[in-house]
Protein backbone atom coordinates (compact mmCIF):
# COMPACT_ATOMS: atom_id res chain seq x y z
CA MET A 1 105.12 83.26 99.67
CA ARG A 2 104.60 80.19 98.01
CA PRO A 3 103.87 80.30 94.42
CA ALA A 4 100.67 78.24 94.30
CA LYS A 5 99.37 80.57 97.34
CA VAL A 6 100.14 83.58 95.07
CA LEU A 7 98.26 82.00 92.37
CA LEU A 8 95.15 81.34 94.33
CA LEU A 9 95.42 84.84 95.87
CA SER A 10 95.70 86.38 92.08
CA LEU A 11 92.94 84.28 91.04
CA TRP A 12 90.58 85.35 93.93
CA LEU A 13 91.54 89.13 93.35
CA ILE A 14 90.58 88.75 89.36
CA VAL A 15 87.16 87.25 90.05
CA PRO A 16 84.98 89.33 91.98
CA ILE A 17 83.07 87.83 95.01
CA VAL A 18 79.63 88.73 96.75
CA SER A 19 78.73 87.77 99.79
CA PHE A 20 74.86 88.34 100.74
CA ALA A 21 75.89 87.36 104.33
CA ALA A 22 78.83 89.64 104.95
CA PRO A 23 76.67 92.60 107.57
CA PRO A 24 77.23 96.33 106.57
CA VAL A 25 80.41 97.93 108.15
CA SER A 26 78.17 100.01 110.53
CA GLU A 27 76.73 96.80 111.95
CA ARG A 28 80.06 94.80 112.22
CA ILE A 29 81.22 97.83 114.21
CA LYS A 30 78.94 97.87 116.50
CA ASP A 31 79.00 94.24 117.34
CA ALA A 32 82.65 94.61 117.54
CA GLU A 33 82.38 97.37 120.28
CA GLU A 34 79.43 95.37 122.27
CA THR A 35 81.51 92.18 121.97
CA PHE A 36 84.59 93.62 122.94
CA GLY A 37 83.14 96.01 125.84
CA GLN A 38 81.21 92.95 127.39
CA VAL A 39 84.73 91.13 127.58
CA LEU A 40 86.23 94.08 128.98
CA LYS A 41 83.83 94.84 131.54
CA ASN A 42 83.43 91.21 133.18
CA THR A 43 86.83 89.83 132.38
CA PRO A 44 89.67 92.92 131.96
CA GLU A 45 92.15 90.51 132.83
CA LYS A 46 91.62 87.73 130.35
CA GLU A 47 93.87 87.16 127.50
CA ILE A 48 92.50 87.96 124.55
CA ARG A 49 93.45 88.23 120.90
CA ALA A 50 91.72 91.05 119.11
CA ALA A 51 92.09 93.22 115.53
CA ALA A 52 92.53 96.86 116.39
CA PHE A 53 91.04 98.93 113.20
CA PHE A 54 92.37 102.29 112.13
CA THR A 55 90.15 105.48 111.25
CA ASN A 56 92.93 105.98 108.40
CA ASP A 57 95.75 103.95 106.85
CA MET A 58 99.31 103.99 108.54
CA SER A 59 102.70 103.00 107.65
CA LEU A 60 104.70 100.48 109.10
CA GLU A 61 106.68 102.74 110.93
CA ASN A 62 103.92 104.37 112.69
CA VAL A 63 102.19 101.43 114.00
CA ARG A 64 105.70 100.14 115.70
CA ALA A 65 105.92 103.03 117.34
CA ALA A 66 102.80 103.13 118.64
CA PHE A 67 103.51 100.03 120.07
CA GLY A 68 106.68 100.89 121.53
CA LYS A 69 105.97 100.86 125.07
CA SER A 70 102.76 98.70 124.91
CA PRO A 71 102.61 95.41 126.76
CA LEU A 72 100.57 93.94 123.71
CA VAL A 73 101.98 91.60 121.53
CA VAL A 74 101.50 92.21 117.75
CA LYS A 75 100.63 89.16 115.91
CA GLY A 76 99.73 90.64 112.35
CA PHE A 77 99.15 93.66 109.92
CA ARG A 78 95.76 94.21 107.75
CA HIS A 79 95.90 96.23 104.93
CA GLY A 80 93.28 97.20 102.04
CA THR A 81 90.90 99.37 101.01
CA GLN A 82 86.97 98.66 99.55
CA SER A 83 87.87 96.36 96.86
CA TYR A 84 90.29 94.24 98.22
CA SER A 85 92.15 93.37 101.90
CA GLY A 86 95.03 91.52 102.88
CA GLY A 87 97.58 91.05 105.62
CA TYR A 88 100.34 89.17 107.20
CA SER A 89 100.30 86.81 110.12
CA LEU A 90 104.12 87.19 112.15
CA LYS A 91 105.59 83.63 112.41
CA GLN A 92 106.44 82.38 115.75
CA GLY A 93 109.55 84.08 117.10
CA GLU A 94 109.42 86.66 114.65
CA THR A 95 110.46 90.31 115.79
CA LEU A 96 108.24 93.18 114.59
CA ASP A 97 111.06 94.57 112.56
CA GLU A 98 111.62 91.20 110.93
CA ALA A 99 107.84 91.04 110.18
CA ILE A 100 107.98 94.26 108.69
CA ALA A 101 110.79 93.29 106.24
CA SER A 102 108.88 90.08 105.32
CA TYR A 103 105.69 91.65 105.09
CA SER A 104 107.02 94.37 102.70
CA ARG A 105 109.17 91.49 100.85
CA ASP A 106 106.09 89.43 100.71
CA HIS A 107 103.60 92.45 99.55
CA LEU A 108 105.77 93.31 96.44
CA PHE A 109 106.35 89.68 95.43
CA PHE A 110 102.51 89.34 95.38
CA LEU A 111 101.81 92.51 93.41
CA GLN A 112 104.32 91.17 90.87
CA LYS A 113 102.72 87.78 91.03
CA ARG A 114 99.12 89.48 90.62
CA MET A 115 100.43 91.69 87.74
CA GLU A 116 101.92 88.81 85.79
CA ILE A 117 98.81 86.66 86.25
CA GLU A 118 96.23 89.19 85.44
CA ASP A 119 98.57 90.04 82.46
CA GLN A 120 98.28 86.15 81.31
CA ALA A 121 94.73 86.25 81.27
CA LEU A 122 94.00 89.40 80.03
CA ALA A 123 96.00 88.66 77.10
CA LYS A 124 93.60 85.23 76.59
CA GLU A 125 90.53 86.90 77.38
CA THR A 126 88.11 86.90 74.32
CA ASN A 127 84.88 88.44 75.88
CA ASN A 128 84.85 92.45 75.59
CA ASP A 129 83.26 92.70 78.82
CA LEU A 130 85.42 90.69 80.98
CA ARG A 131 88.50 92.07 79.37
CA LYS A 132 87.58 95.32 80.19
CA ALA A 133 86.73 94.59 83.63
CA MET A 134 89.82 92.82 84.02
CA ALA A 135 92.08 95.66 82.54
CA ASP A 136 90.19 97.91 85.26
CA HIS A 137 91.04 95.19 87.56
CA ARG A 138 94.84 95.45 86.34
CA LYS A 139 94.92 99.21 86.45
CA GLU A 140 94.67 98.88 90.73
CA ALA A 141 97.50 96.58 90.41
CA ASP A 142 99.42 99.22 89.14
CA GLN A 143 98.28 101.91 91.56
CA MET A 144 98.89 99.31 94.14
CA GLU A 145 102.31 99.15 93.19
CA ALA A 146 102.88 102.81 92.78
CA ASP A 147 101.92 103.47 95.88
CA PHE A 148 103.76 100.55 97.54
CA LYS A 149 107.07 101.98 95.95
CA LYS A 150 106.22 105.68 96.94
CA ASN A 151 104.81 105.13 100.53
CA GLY A 152 105.56 101.33 101.25
CA ILE A 153 102.80 99.25 102.51
CA ARG A 154 99.77 101.09 104.61
CA VAL A 155 97.90 99.07 107.21
CA VAL A 156 94.28 99.90 108.23
CA GLY A 157 94.77 97.82 111.39
CA VAL A 158 96.76 95.08 113.34
CA GLU A 159 96.00 92.16 114.99
CA VAL A 160 97.32 92.18 118.85
CA ALA A 161 97.45 89.32 121.70
CA GLY A 162 97.19 91.20 125.33
CA ARG A 163 94.77 91.77 128.51
CA ALA A 164 91.67 93.27 127.08
CA ARG A 165 92.20 95.80 129.77
CA ASP A 166 95.90 96.59 127.76
CA VAL A 167 93.79 96.50 124.69
CA GLN A 168 91.40 99.13 125.89
CA ASP A 169 94.31 101.13 127.07
CA PHE A 170 95.95 100.75 123.66
CA LYS A 171 92.83 102.34 122.31
CA GLU A 172 92.13 105.04 124.66
CA LYS A 173 95.93 106.33 124.07
CA ASN A 174 96.02 106.20 120.33
CA SER A 175 92.98 108.50 118.53
CA PHE A 176 93.76 106.83 115.72
CA VAL A 177 92.12 103.56 116.33
CA ARG A 178 88.67 102.96 115.24
CA VAL A 179 87.56 99.90 116.93
CA ILE A 180 88.08 96.71 118.20
CA GLU A 181 87.39 93.55 117.21
CA LEU A 182 87.91 90.32 118.62
CA THR A 183 89.40 87.74 116.43
CA GLU A 184 87.52 84.67 115.96
CA ARG A 185 89.40 81.48 116.81
CA GLY A 186 92.72 83.04 116.07
CA LYS A 187 91.61 83.75 112.25
CA PRO A 188 92.61 86.76 110.41
CA GLN A 189 89.87 89.21 110.13
CA SER A 190 88.80 90.97 106.60
CA ALA A 191 89.97 94.73 106.85
CA ILE A 192 87.34 97.04 108.32
CA VAL A 193 88.80 99.82 105.65
CA PRO A 194 88.72 103.41 106.43
CA GLN A 195 85.76 105.31 105.07
CA ARG A 196 87.04 107.60 102.23
């Protein structure tokens, strides 16, 4: 990951962003189910890109195992919690094993850069209320690093490519799939995180 990209991502994590246009998760799930259902009903052989979001987070090894014999192609991973989300998009020609190794390396690098940038910002901040908010956010980074070192990356979804009926078949065979959401114009979606 490029240092500028890490800096931009880290700064984005420090400053909360509120979107008044974002629909509630339940509405997003309902819309996703209806949209995918129409594609499945009308064009089951159509090649699509979609995100399969899970009921609980999963290890990358479990995701790899779930896709063992699937005709679907994994295009990316999504991770996240209620307060942040991110992911990894596979590069052209990258195998699933290579992607898992790169994703883990990049995620650790991102966490370390995030903590470094947040420590620097915290040291310069003079407003006590903002310092407290930044310190709380920094604690989250410590927890993320501890979780990563203990459990690796836990993902809440994967982006896939394949026929609509194969995506549905994957969902039916894997009870951990919560919802299928079509990918808009090939862009990675923000994660639909598990309910806690």
